[in-house]
mmCIF file of all heavy atoms, coordinates in Angstrom:
data_MODEL
# 
_entry.id   MODEL 
# 
loop_
_atom_site.group_PDB 
_atom_site.id 
_atom_site.type_symbol 
_atom_site.label_atom_id 
_atom_site.label_alt_id 
_atom_site.label_comp_id 
_atom_site.label_asym_id 
_atom_site.label_entity_id 
_atom_site.label_seq_id 
_atom_site.pdbx_PDB_ins_code 
_atom_site.Cartn_x 
_atom_site.Cartn_y 
_atom_site.Cartn_z 
_atom_site.occupancy 
_atom_site.B_iso_or_equiv 
_atom_site.pdbx_formal_charge 
_atom_site.auth_seq_id 
_atom_site.auth_comp_id 
_atom_site.auth_asym_id 
_atom_site.auth_atom_id 
_atom_site.pdbx_PDB_model_num 
ATOM 1   N N   . PHE A 1 1  ? 128.647 110.707 92.876 1.00 0.00 ? 1  PHE A N   1 
ATOM 2   C CA  . PHE A 1 1  ? 128.339 111.525 94.049 1.00 0.00 ? 1  PHE A CA  1 
ATOM 3   C C   . PHE A 1 1  ? 129.330 111.347 95.202 1.00 0.00 ? 1  PHE A C   1 
ATOM 4   O O   . PHE A 1 1  ? 129.509 112.297 95.961 1.00 0.00 ? 1  PHE A O   1 
ATOM 5   C CB  . PHE A 1 1  ? 126.927 111.124 94.578 1.00 0.00 ? 1  PHE A CB  1 
ATOM 6   C CG  . PHE A 1 1  ? 125.784 111.562 93.686 1.00 0.00 ? 1  PHE A CG  1 
ATOM 7   C CD1 . PHE A 1 1  ? 124.636 110.743 93.506 1.00 0.00 ? 1  PHE A CD1 1 
ATOM 8   C CD2 . PHE A 1 1  ? 125.865 112.742 93.004 1.00 0.00 ? 1  PHE A CD2 1 
ATOM 9   C CE1 . PHE A 1 1  ? 123.609 111.152 92.661 1.00 0.00 ? 1  PHE A CE1 1 
ATOM 10  C CE2 . PHE A 1 1  ? 124.814 113.183 92.162 1.00 0.00 ? 1  PHE A CE2 1 
ATOM 11  C CZ  . PHE A 1 1  ? 123.686 112.378 91.994 1.00 0.00 ? 1  PHE A CZ  1 
ATOM 12  N N   . ASN A 1 2  ? 129.988 110.181 95.291 1.00 0.00 ? 2  ASN A N   1 
ATOM 13  C CA  . ASN A 1 2  ? 130.817 109.939 96.443 1.00 0.00 ? 2  ASN A CA  1 
ATOM 14  C C   . ASN A 1 2  ? 132.340 110.001 96.199 1.00 0.00 ? 2  ASN A C   1 
ATOM 15  O O   . ASN A 1 2  ? 133.088 110.299 97.120 1.00 0.00 ? 2  ASN A O   1 
ATOM 16  C CB  . ASN A 1 2  ? 130.503 108.541 97.042 1.00 0.00 ? 2  ASN A CB  1 
ATOM 17  C CG  . ASN A 1 2  ? 129.076 108.459 97.544 1.00 0.00 ? 2  ASN A CG  1 
ATOM 18  O OD1 . ASN A 1 2  ? 128.562 109.386 98.188 1.00 0.00 ? 2  ASN A OD1 1 
ATOM 19  N ND2 . ASN A 1 2  ? 128.334 107.385 97.185 1.00 0.00 ? 2  ASN A ND2 1 
ATOM 20  N N   . GLU A 1 3  ? 132.719 109.708 94.938 1.00 0.00 ? 3  GLU A N   1 
ATOM 21  C CA  . GLU A 1 3  ? 134.158 109.673 94.648 1.00 0.00 ? 3  GLU A CA  1 
ATOM 22  C C   . GLU A 1 3  ? 134.685 110.970 94.007 1.00 0.00 ? 3  GLU A C   1 
ATOM 23  O O   . GLU A 1 3  ? 135.790 111.423 94.366 1.00 0.00 ? 3  GLU A O   1 
ATOM 24  C CB  . GLU A 1 3  ? 134.481 108.486 93.764 1.00 0.00 ? 3  GLU A CB  1 
ATOM 25  C CG  . GLU A 1 3  ? 134.190 107.125 94.403 1.00 0.00 ? 3  GLU A CG  1 
ATOM 26  C CD  . GLU A 1 3  ? 134.991 106.869 95.652 1.00 0.00 ? 3  GLU A CD  1 
ATOM 27  O OE1 . GLU A 1 3  ? 136.172 107.273 95.677 1.00 0.00 ? 3  GLU A OE1 1 
ATOM 28  O OE2 . GLU A 1 3  ? 134.406 106.310 96.607 1.00 0.00 ? 3  GLU A OE2 1 
ATOM 29  N N   . LEU A 1 4  ? 133.983 111.551 93.100 1.00 0.00 ? 4  LEU A N   1 
ATOM 30  C CA  . LEU A 1 4  ? 134.459 112.757 92.428 1.00 0.00 ? 4  LEU A CA  1 
ATOM 31  C C   . LEU A 1 4  ? 134.808 113.874 93.375 1.00 0.00 ? 4  LEU A C   1 
ATOM 32  O O   . LEU A 1 4  ? 135.807 114.565 93.187 1.00 0.00 ? 4  LEU A O   1 
ATOM 33  C CB  . LEU A 1 4  ? 133.455 113.204 91.360 1.00 0.00 ? 4  LEU A CB  1 
ATOM 34  C CG  . LEU A 1 4  ? 133.440 112.423 90.035 1.00 0.00 ? 4  LEU A CG  1 
ATOM 35  C CD1 . LEU A 1 4  ? 132.394 112.990 89.088 1.00 0.00 ? 4  LEU A CD1 1 
ATOM 36  C CD2 . LEU A 1 4  ? 134.816 112.388 89.376 1.00 0.00 ? 4  LEU A CD2 1 
ATOM 37  N N   . PRO A 1 5  ? 133.955 114.158 94.415 1.00 0.00 ? 5  PRO A N   1 
ATOM 38  C CA  . PRO A 1 5  ? 134.351 115.242 95.305 1.00 0.00 ? 5  PRO A CA  1 
ATOM 39  C C   . PRO A 1 5  ? 135.681 115.040 96.013 1.00 0.00 ? 5  PRO A C   1 
ATOM 40  O O   . PRO A 1 5  ? 136.342 116.013 96.392 1.00 0.00 ? 5  PRO A O   1 
ATOM 41  C CB  . PRO A 1 5  ? 133.183 115.286 96.332 1.00 0.00 ? 5  PRO A CB  1 
ATOM 42  C CG  . PRO A 1 5  ? 132.026 114.670 95.617 1.00 0.00 ? 5  PRO A CG  1 
ATOM 43  C CD  . PRO A 1 5  ? 132.616 113.635 94.698 1.00 0.00 ? 5  PRO A CD  1 
ATOM 44  N N   . LYS A 1 6  ? 136.106 113.832 96.152 1.00 0.00 ? 6  LYS A N   1 
ATOM 45  C CA  . LYS A 1 6  ? 137.335 113.536 96.893 1.00 0.00 ? 6  LYS A CA  1 
ATOM 46  C C   . LYS A 1 6  ? 138.579 114.069 96.168 1.00 0.00 ? 6  LYS A C   1 
ATOM 47  O O   . LYS A 1 6  ? 139.647 114.268 96.812 1.00 0.00 ? 6  LYS A O   1 
ATOM 48  C CB  . LYS A 1 6  ? 137.496 112.050 97.135 1.00 0.00 ? 6  LYS A CB  1 
ATOM 49  C CG  . LYS A 1 6  ? 136.439 111.463 98.056 1.00 0.00 ? 6  LYS A CG  1 
ATOM 50  C CD  . LYS A 1 6  ? 136.617 109.940 98.201 1.00 0.00 ? 6  LYS A CD  1 
ATOM 51  C CE  . LYS A 1 6  ? 135.557 109.345 99.105 1.00 0.00 ? 6  LYS A CE  1 
ATOM 52  N NZ  . LYS A 1 6  ? 135.693 107.849 99.268 1.00 0.00 ? 6  LYS A NZ  1 
ATOM 53  N N   . THR A 1 7  ? 138.455 114.295 94.869 1.00 0.00 ? 7  THR A N   1 
ATOM 54  C CA  . THR A 1 7  ? 139.618 114.712 94.078 1.00 0.00 ? 7  THR A CA  1 
ATOM 55  C C   . THR A 1 7  ? 139.443 116.101 93.479 1.00 0.00 ? 7  THR A C   1 
ATOM 56  O O   . THR A 1 7  ? 140.294 116.517 92.659 1.00 0.00 ? 7  THR A O   1 
ATOM 57  C CB  . THR A 1 7  ? 139.954 113.691 92.946 1.00 0.00 ? 7  THR A CB  1 
ATOM 58  O OG1 . THR A 1 7  ? 138.770 113.448 92.208 1.00 0.00 ? 7  THR A OG1 1 
ATOM 59  C CG2 . THR A 1 7  ? 140.446 112.386 93.554 1.00 0.00 ? 7  THR A CG2 1 
ATOM 60  N N   . PHE A 1 8  ? 138.361 116.797 93.832 1.00 0.00 ? 8  PHE A N   1 
ATOM 61  C CA  . PHE A 1 8  ? 138.141 118.118 93.281 1.00 0.00 ? 8  PHE A CA  1 
ATOM 62  C C   . PHE A 1 8  ? 138.989 119.129 94.072 1.00 0.00 ? 8  PHE A C   1 
ATOM 63  O O   . PHE A 1 8  ? 138.711 119.435 95.215 1.00 0.00 ? 8  PHE A O   1 
ATOM 64  C CB  . PHE A 1 8  ? 136.683 118.480 93.348 1.00 0.00 ? 8  PHE A CB  1 
ATOM 65  C CG  . PHE A 1 8  ? 136.346 119.799 92.678 1.00 0.00 ? 8  PHE A CG  1 
ATOM 66  C CD1 . PHE A 1 8  ? 136.377 119.939 91.279 1.00 0.00 ? 8  PHE A CD1 1 
ATOM 67  C CD2 . PHE A 1 8  ? 136.013 120.944 93.413 1.00 0.00 ? 8  PHE A CD2 1 
ATOM 68  C CE1 . PHE A 1 8  ? 136.076 121.141 90.671 1.00 0.00 ? 8  PHE A CE1 1 
ATOM 69  C CE2 . PHE A 1 8  ? 135.728 122.141 92.839 1.00 0.00 ? 8  PHE A CE2 1 
ATOM 70  C CZ  . PHE A 1 8  ? 135.752 122.237 91.440 1.00 0.00 ? 8  PHE A CZ  1 
ATOM 71  N N   . ASN A 1 9  ? 140.040 119.616 93.447 1.00 0.00 ? 9  ASN A N   1 
ATOM 72  C CA  . ASN A 1 9  ? 140.973 120.521 94.140 1.00 0.00 ? 9  ASN A CA  1 
ATOM 73  C C   . ASN A 1 9  ? 141.585 121.492 93.134 1.00 0.00 ? 9  ASN A C   1 
ATOM 74  O O   . ASN A 1 9  ? 142.729 121.335 92.727 1.00 0.00 ? 9  ASN A O   1 
ATOM 75  C CB  . ASN A 1 9  ? 142.076 119.696 94.834 1.00 0.00 ? 9  ASN A CB  1 
ATOM 76  C CG  . ASN A 1 9  ? 142.896 120.528 95.797 1.00 0.00 ? 9  ASN A CG  1 
ATOM 77  O OD1 . ASN A 1 9  ? 142.523 121.664 96.121 1.00 0.00 ? 9  ASN A OD1 1 
ATOM 78  N ND2 . ASN A 1 9  ? 144.003 119.979 96.249 1.00 0.00 ? 9  ASN A ND2 1 
ATOM 79  N N   . PRO A 1 10 ? 140.816 122.494 92.730 1.00 0.00 ? 10 PRO A N   1 
ATOM 80  C CA  . PRO A 1 10 ? 141.271 123.445 91.686 1.00 0.00 ? 10 PRO A CA  1 
ATOM 81  C C   . PRO A 1 10 ? 142.335 124.391 92.187 1.00 0.00 ? 10 PRO A C   1 
ATOM 82  O O   . PRO A 1 10 ? 142.058 125.589 92.502 1.00 0.00 ? 10 PRO A O   1 
ATOM 83  C CB  . PRO A 1 10 ? 140.002 124.148 91.298 1.00 0.00 ? 10 PRO A CB  1 
ATOM 84  C CG  . PRO A 1 10 ? 139.149 124.112 92.505 1.00 0.00 ? 10 PRO A CG  1 
ATOM 85  C CD  . PRO A 1 10 ? 139.451 122.811 93.186 1.00 0.00 ? 10 PRO A CD  1 
ATOM 86  N N   . LYS A 1 11 ? 143.545 123.922 92.245 1.00 0.00 ? 11 LYS A N   1 
ATOM 87  C CA  . LYS A 1 11 ? 144.666 124.712 92.815 1.00 0.00 ? 11 LYS A CA  1 
ATOM 88  C C   . LYS A 1 11 ? 145.005 125.950 92.016 1.00 0.00 ? 11 LYS A C   1 
ATOM 89  O O   . LYS A 1 11 ? 145.650 126.858 92.537 1.00 0.00 ? 11 LYS A O   1 
ATOM 90  C CB  . LYS A 1 11 ? 145.901 123.822 92.986 1.00 0.00 ? 11 LYS A CB  1 
ATOM 91  C CG  . LYS A 1 11 ? 145.686 122.667 93.956 1.00 0.00 ? 11 LYS A CG  1 
ATOM 92  C CD  . LYS A 1 11 ? 146.963 121.805 94.048 1.00 0.00 ? 11 LYS A CD  1 
ATOM 93  C CE  . LYS A 1 11 ? 146.759 120.653 95.006 1.00 0.00 ? 11 LYS A CE  1 
ATOM 94  N NZ  . LYS A 1 11 ? 148.007 119.790 95.123 1.00 0.00 ? 11 LYS A NZ  1 
ATOM 95  N N   . ASP A 1 12 ? 144.599 125.977 90.726 1.00 0.00 ? 12 ASP A N   1 
ATOM 96  C CA  . ASP A 1 12 ? 144.944 127.127 89.881 1.00 0.00 ? 12 ASP A CA  1 
ATOM 97  C C   . ASP A 1 12 ? 143.788 128.130 89.746 1.00 0.00 ? 12 ASP A C   1 
ATOM 98  O O   . ASP A 1 12 ? 143.838 129.045 88.939 1.00 0.00 ? 12 ASP A O   1 
ATOM 99  C CB  . ASP A 1 12 ? 145.336 126.651 88.474 1.00 0.00 ? 12 ASP A CB  1 
ATOM 100 C CG  . ASP A 1 12 ? 146.622 125.810 88.513 1.00 0.00 ? 12 ASP A CG  1 
ATOM 101 O OD1 . ASP A 1 12 ? 147.421 126.023 89.425 1.00 0.00 ? 12 ASP A OD1 1 
ATOM 102 O OD2 . ASP A 1 12 ? 146.766 124.901 87.620 1.00 0.00 ? 12 ASP A OD2 1 
ATOM 103 N N   . TRP A 1 13 ? 142.701 127.899 90.503 1.00 0.00 ? 13 TRP A N   1 
ATOM 104 C CA  . TRP A 1 13 ? 141.555 128.823 90.413 1.00 0.00 ? 13 TRP A CA  1 
ATOM 105 C C   . TRP A 1 13 ? 141.949 130.182 90.918 1.00 0.00 ? 13 TRP A C   1 
ATOM 106 O O   . TRP A 1 13 ? 142.355 130.404 92.038 1.00 0.00 ? 13 TRP A O   1 
ATOM 107 C CB  . TRP A 1 13 ? 140.407 128.214 91.244 1.00 0.00 ? 13 TRP A CB  1 
ATOM 108 C CG  . TRP A 1 13 ? 139.246 129.140 91.529 1.00 0.00 ? 13 TRP A CG  1 
ATOM 109 C CD1 . TRP A 1 13 ? 138.848 129.601 92.734 1.00 0.00 ? 13 TRP A CD1 1 
ATOM 110 C CD2 . TRP A 1 13 ? 138.337 129.697 90.567 1.00 0.00 ? 13 TRP A CD2 1 
ATOM 111 N NE1 . TRP A 1 13 ? 137.735 130.389 92.618 1.00 0.00 ? 13 TRP A NE1 1 
ATOM 112 C CE2 . TRP A 1 13 ? 137.379 130.488 91.285 1.00 0.00 ? 13 TRP A CE2 1 
ATOM 113 C CE3 . TRP A 1 13 ? 138.216 129.610 89.185 1.00 0.00 ? 13 TRP A CE3 1 
ATOM 114 C CZ2 . TRP A 1 13 ? 136.363 131.170 90.656 1.00 0.00 ? 13 TRP A CZ2 1 
ATOM 115 C CZ3 . TRP A 1 13 ? 137.211 130.290 88.556 1.00 0.00 ? 13 TRP A CZ3 1 
ATOM 116 C CH2 . TRP A 1 13 ? 136.278 131.059 89.276 1.00 0.00 ? 13 TRP A CH2 1 
ATOM 117 N N   . ASP A 1 14 ? 141.777 131.171 90.011 1.00 0.00 ? 14 ASP A N   1 
ATOM 118 C CA  . ASP A 1 14 ? 142.025 132.575 90.340 1.00 0.00 ? 14 ASP A CA  1 
ATOM 119 C C   . ASP A 1 14 ? 140.925 133.398 89.698 1.00 0.00 ? 14 ASP A C   1 
ATOM 120 O O   . ASP A 1 14 ? 141.035 133.777 88.569 1.00 0.00 ? 14 ASP A O   1 
ATOM 121 C CB  . ASP A 1 14 ? 143.395 132.996 89.816 1.00 0.00 ? 14 ASP A CB  1 
ATOM 122 C CG  . ASP A 1 14 ? 143.787 134.416 90.241 1.00 0.00 ? 14 ASP A CG  1 
ATOM 123 O OD1 . ASP A 1 14 ? 142.886 135.160 90.675 1.00 0.00 ? 14 ASP A OD1 1 
ATOM 124 O OD2 . ASP A 1 14 ? 144.957 134.777 90.119 1.00 0.00 ? 14 ASP A OD2 1 
ATOM 125 N N   . PRO A 1 15 ? 139.851 133.677 90.452 1.00 0.00 ? 15 PRO A N   1 
ATOM 126 C CA  . PRO A 1 15 ? 138.716 134.333 89.854 1.00 0.00 ? 15 PRO A CA  1 
ATOM 127 C C   . PRO A 1 15 ? 139.068 135.729 89.281 1.00 0.00 ? 15 PRO A C   1 
ATOM 128 O O   . PRO A 1 15 ? 138.453 136.185 88.342 1.00 0.00 ? 15 PRO A O   1 
ATOM 129 C CB  . PRO A 1 15 ? 137.688 134.451 90.983 1.00 0.00 ? 15 PRO A CB  1 
ATOM 130 C CG  . PRO A 1 15 ? 138.478 134.290 92.233 1.00 0.00 ? 15 PRO A CG  1 
ATOM 131 C CD  . PRO A 1 15 ? 139.623 133.364 91.873 1.00 0.00 ? 15 PRO A CD  1 
ATOM 132 N N   . GLU A 1 16 ? 140.040 136.387 89.885 1.00 0.00 ? 16 GLU A N   1 
ATOM 133 C CA  . GLU A 1 16 ? 140.418 137.739 89.359 1.00 0.00 ? 16 GLU A CA  1 
ATOM 134 C C   . GLU A 1 16 ? 140.925 137.638 87.933 1.00 0.00 ? 16 GLU A C   1 
ATOM 135 O O   . GLU A 1 16 ? 140.704 138.549 87.122 1.00 0.00 ? 16 GLU A O   1 
ATOM 136 C CB  . GLU A 1 16 ? 141.457 138.395 90.258 1.00 0.00 ? 16 GLU A CB  1 
ATOM 137 C CG  . GLU A 1 16 ? 140.880 139.016 91.527 1.00 0.00 ? 16 GLU A CG  1 
ATOM 138 C CD  . GLU A 1 16 ? 141.781 140.072 92.101 1.00 0.00 ? 16 GLU A CD  1 
ATOM 139 O OE1 . GLU A 1 16 ? 142.254 140.953 91.394 1.00 0.00 ? 16 GLU A OE1 1 
ATOM 140 O OE2 . GLU A 1 16 ? 142.064 139.959 93.328 1.00 0.00 ? 16 GLU A OE2 1 
ATOM 141 N N   . ARG A 1 17 ? 141.631 136.581 87.603 1.00 0.00 ? 17 ARG A N   1 
ATOM 142 C CA  . ARG A 1 17 ? 142.114 136.433 86.226 1.00 0.00 ? 17 ARG A CA  1 
ATOM 143 C C   . ARG A 1 17 ? 140.939 136.348 85.252 1.00 0.00 ? 17 ARG A C   1 
ATOM 144 O O   . ARG A 1 17 ? 140.941 137.010 84.200 1.00 0.00 ? 17 ARG A O   1 
ATOM 145 C CB  . ARG A 1 17 ? 142.985 135.179 86.097 1.00 0.00 ? 17 ARG A CB  1 
ATOM 146 C CG  . ARG A 1 17 ? 144.326 135.294 86.771 1.00 0.00 ? 17 ARG A CG  1 
ATOM 147 C CD  . ARG A 1 17 ? 145.155 134.034 86.482 1.00 0.00 ? 17 ARG A CD  1 
ATOM 148 N NE  . ARG A 1 17 ? 146.453 134.115 87.087 1.00 0.00 ? 17 ARG A NE  1 
ATOM 149 C CZ  . ARG A 1 17 ? 147.405 133.178 86.977 1.00 0.00 ? 17 ARG A CZ  1 
ATOM 150 N NH1 . ARG A 1 17 ? 147.135 132.059 86.250 1.00 0.00 ? 17 ARG A NH1 1 
ATOM 151 N NH2 . ARG A 1 17 ? 148.578 133.287 87.551 1.00 0.00 ? 17 ARG A NH2 1 
ATOM 152 N N   . LEU A 1 18 ? 139.920 135.549 85.581 1.00 0.00 ? 18 LEU A N   1 
ATOM 153 C CA  . LEU A 1 18 ? 138.747 135.420 84.705 1.00 0.00 ? 18 LEU A CA  1 
ATOM 154 C C   . LEU A 1 18 ? 138.004 136.738 84.637 1.00 0.00 ? 18 LEU A C   1 
ATOM 155 O O   . LEU A 1 18 ? 137.564 137.134 83.567 1.00 0.00 ? 18 LEU A O   1 
ATOM 156 C CB  . LEU A 1 18 ? 137.823 134.305 85.249 1.00 0.00 ? 18 LEU A CB  1 
ATOM 157 C CG  . LEU A 1 18 ? 138.275 132.883 84.994 1.00 0.00 ? 18 LEU A CG  1 
ATOM 158 C CD1 . LEU A 1 18 ? 137.173 131.926 85.492 1.00 0.00 ? 18 LEU A CD1 1 
ATOM 159 C CD2 . LEU A 1 18 ? 138.562 132.654 83.527 1.00 0.00 ? 18 LEU A CD2 1 
ATOM 160 N N   . VAL A 1 19 ? 137.853 137.426 85.752 1.00 0.00 ? 19 VAL A N   1 
ATOM 161 C CA  . VAL A 1 19 ? 137.142 138.667 85.785 1.00 0.00 ? 19 VAL A CA  1 
ATOM 162 C C   . VAL A 1 19 ? 137.855 139.701 84.921 1.00 0.00 ? 19 VAL A C   1 
ATOM 163 O O   . VAL A 1 19 ? 137.224 140.469 84.169 1.00 0.00 ? 19 VAL A O   1 
ATOM 164 C CB  . VAL A 1 19 ? 136.935 139.145 87.208 1.00 0.00 ? 19 VAL A CB  1 
ATOM 165 C CG1 . VAL A 1 19 ? 136.359 140.579 87.222 1.00 0.00 ? 19 VAL A CG1 1 
ATOM 166 C CG2 . VAL A 1 19 ? 135.951 138.202 87.958 1.00 0.00 ? 19 VAL A CG2 1 
ATOM 167 N N   . MET A 1 20 ? 139.177 139.764 85.006 1.00 0.00 ? 20 MET A N   1 
ATOM 168 C CA  . MET A 1 20 ? 139.902 140.720 84.186 1.00 0.00 ? 20 MET A CA  1 
ATOM 169 C C   . MET A 1 20 ? 139.845 140.400 82.742 1.00 0.00 ? 20 MET A C   1 
ATOM 170 O O   . MET A 1 20 ? 139.737 141.288 81.888 1.00 0.00 ? 20 MET A O   1 
ATOM 171 C CB  . MET A 1 20 ? 141.341 140.791 84.685 1.00 0.00 ? 20 MET A CB  1 
ATOM 172 C CG  . MET A 1 20 ? 141.534 141.554 85.989 1.00 0.00 ? 20 MET A CG  1 
ATOM 173 S SD  . MET A 1 20 ? 143.256 141.851 86.453 1.00 0.00 ? 20 MET A SD  1 
ATOM 174 C CE  . MET A 1 20 ? 143.722 140.234 87.085 1.00 0.00 ? 20 MET A CE  1 
ATOM 175 N N   . LEU A 1 21 ? 139.874 139.099 82.392 1.00 0.00 ? 21 LEU A N   1 
ATOM 176 C CA  . LEU A 1 21 ? 139.683 138.711 80.993 1.00 0.00 ? 21 LEU A CA  1 
ATOM 177 C C   . LEU A 1 21 ? 138.309 139.176 80.495 1.00 0.00 ? 21 LEU A C   1 
ATOM 178 O O   . LEU A 1 21 ? 138.171 139.655 79.372 1.00 0.00 ? 21 LEU A O   1 
ATOM 179 C CB  . LEU A 1 21 ? 139.830 137.194 80.866 1.00 0.00 ? 21 LEU A CB  1 
ATOM 180 C CG  . LEU A 1 21 ? 141.243 136.644 80.707 1.00 0.00 ? 21 LEU A CG  1 
ATOM 181 C CD1 . LEU A 1 21 ? 141.203 135.116 80.848 1.00 0.00 ? 21 LEU A CD1 1 
ATOM 182 C CD2 . LEU A 1 21 ? 141.871 137.028 79.367 1.00 0.00 ? 21 LEU A CD2 1 
ATOM 183 N N   . ALA A 1 22 ? 137.291 138.909 81.321 1.00 0.00 ? 22 ALA A N   1 
ATOM 184 C CA  . ALA A 1 22 ? 135.936 139.322 80.931 1.00 0.00 ? 22 ALA A CA  1 
ATOM 185 C C   . ALA A 1 22 ? 135.874 140.842 80.743 1.00 0.00 ? 22 ALA A C   1 
ATOM 186 O O   . ALA A 1 22 ? 135.286 141.359 79.782 1.00 0.00 ? 22 ALA A O   1 
ATOM 187 C CB  . ALA A 1 22 ? 134.956 138.857 81.991 1.00 0.00 ? 22 ALA A CB  1 
ATOM 188 N N   . ARG A 1 23 ? 136.434 141.548 81.702 1.00 0.00 ? 23 ARG A N   1 
ATOM 189 C CA  . ARG A 1 23 ? 136.370 143.011 81.653 1.00 0.00 ? 23 ARG A CA  1 
ATOM 190 C C   . ARG A 1 23 ? 137.085 143.537 80.408 1.00 0.00 ? 23 ARG A C   1 
ATOM 191 O O   . ARG A 1 23 ? 136.602 144.429 79.693 1.00 0.00 ? 23 ARG A O   1 
ATOM 192 C CB  . ARG A 1 23 ? 137.065 143.563 82.894 1.00 0.00 ? 23 ARG A CB  1 
ATOM 193 C CG  . ARG A 1 23 ? 136.972 145.079 83.085 1.00 0.00 ? 23 ARG A CG  1 
ATOM 194 C CD  . ARG A 1 23 ? 137.550 145.478 84.429 1.00 0.00 ? 23 ARG A CD  1 
ATOM 195 N NE  . ARG A 1 23 ? 137.440 146.864 84.742 1.00 0.00 ? 23 ARG A NE  1 
ATOM 196 C CZ  . ARG A 1 23 ? 138.305 147.823 84.414 1.00 0.00 ? 23 ARG A CZ  1 
ATOM 197 N NH1 . ARG A 1 23 ? 139.412 147.470 83.747 1.00 0.00 ? 23 ARG A NH1 1 
ATOM 198 N NH2 . ARG A 1 23 ? 138.080 149.059 84.734 1.00 0.00 ? 23 ARG A NH2 1 
ATOM 199 N N   . ASN A 1 24 ? 138.277 142.998 80.086 1.00 0.00 ? 24 ASN A N   1 
ATOM 200 C CA  . ASN A 1 24 ? 138.996 143.477 78.899 1.00 0.00 ? 24 ASN A CA  1 
ATOM 201 C C   . ASN A 1 24 ? 138.313 143.064 77.601 1.00 0.00 ? 24 ASN A C   1 
ATOM 202 O O   . ASN A 1 24 ? 138.514 143.709 76.593 1.00 0.00 ? 24 ASN A O   1 
ATOM 203 C CB  . ASN A 1 24 ? 140.409 142.886 78.940 1.00 0.00 ? 24 ASN A CB  1 
ATOM 204 C CG  . ASN A 1 24 ? 141.290 143.552 79.977 1.00 0.00 ? 24 ASN A CG  1 
ATOM 205 O OD1 . ASN A 1 24 ? 140.980 144.671 80.439 1.00 0.00 ? 24 ASN A OD1 1 
ATOM 206 N ND2 . ASN A 1 24 ? 142.385 142.883 80.360 1.00 0.00 ? 24 ASN A ND2 1 
ATOM 207 N N   . ALA A 1 25 ? 137.501 142.009 77.638 1.00 0.00 ? 25 ALA A N   1 
ATOM 208 C CA  . ALA A 1 25 ? 136.768 141.605 76.463 1.00 0.00 ? 25 ALA A CA  1 
ATOM 209 C C   . ALA A 1 25 ? 135.494 142.422 76.228 1.00 0.00 ? 25 ALA A C   1 
ATOM 210 O O   . ALA A 1 25 ? 134.845 142.293 75.227 1.00 0.00 ? 25 ALA A O   1 
ATOM 211 C CB  . ALA A 1 25 ? 136.356 140.125 76.578 1.00 0.00 ? 25 ALA A CB  1 
ATOM 212 N N   . GLY A 1 26 ? 135.176 143.316 77.186 1.00 0.00 ? 26 GLY A N   1 
ATOM 213 C CA  . GLY A 1 26 ? 134.009 144.153 77.061 1.00 0.00 ? 26 GLY A CA  1 
ATOM 214 C C   . GLY A 1 26 ? 132.769 143.634 77.748 1.00 0.00 ? 26 GLY A C   1 
ATOM 215 O O   . GLY A 1 26 ? 131.687 144.203 77.589 1.00 0.00 ? 26 GLY A O   1 
ATOM 216 N N   . MET A 1 27 ? 132.912 142.571 78.505 1.00 0.00 ? 27 MET A N   1 
ATOM 217 C CA  . MET A 1 27 ? 131.773 141.983 79.199 1.00 0.00 ? 27 MET A CA  1 
ATOM 218 C C   . MET A 1 27 ? 131.441 142.820 80.424 1.00 0.00 ? 27 MET A C   1 
ATOM 219 O O   . MET A 1 27 ? 132.346 143.196 81.177 1.00 0.00 ? 27 MET A O   1 
ATOM 220 C CB  . MET A 1 27 ? 132.083 140.555 79.566 1.00 0.00 ? 27 MET A CB  1 
ATOM 221 C CG  . MET A 1 27 ? 132.259 139.633 78.370 1.00 0.00 ? 27 MET A CG  1 
ATOM 222 S SD  . MET A 1 27 ? 133.155 138.101 78.701 1.00 0.00 ? 27 MET A SD  1 
ATOM 223 C CE  . MET A 1 27 ? 132.845 137.148 77.256 1.00 0.00 ? 27 MET A CE  1 
ATOM 224 N N   . LYS A 1 28 ? 130.179 143.063 80.624 1.00 0.00 ? 28 LYS A N   1 
ATOM 225 C CA  . LYS A 1 28 ? 129.732 143.903 81.758 1.00 0.00 ? 28 LYS A CA  1 
ATOM 226 C C   . LYS A 1 28 ? 129.195 143.121 82.936 1.00 0.00 ? 28 LYS A C   1 
ATOM 227 O O   . LYS A 1 28 ? 128.991 143.661 83.993 1.00 0.00 ? 28 LYS A O   1 
ATOM 228 C CB  . LYS A 1 28 ? 128.613 144.855 81.265 1.00 0.00 ? 28 LYS A CB  1 
ATOM 229 C CG  . LYS A 1 28 ? 129.053 145.850 80.190 1.00 0.00 ? 28 LYS A CG  1 
ATOM 230 C CD  . LYS A 1 28 ? 130.165 146.749 80.705 1.00 0.00 ? 28 LYS A CD  1 
ATOM 231 C CE  . LYS A 1 28 ? 130.524 147.821 79.671 1.00 0.00 ? 28 LYS A CE  1 
ATOM 232 N NZ  . LYS A 1 28 ? 131.604 148.689 80.131 1.00 0.00 ? 28 LYS A NZ  1 
# 
């Protein structure tokens, strides 16, 4: 609870990439 949040830093998070992958896979 106290240490893990200190290092959570998803610098490569790009939700548009995931959404486009989902869209192209046919997910609605």
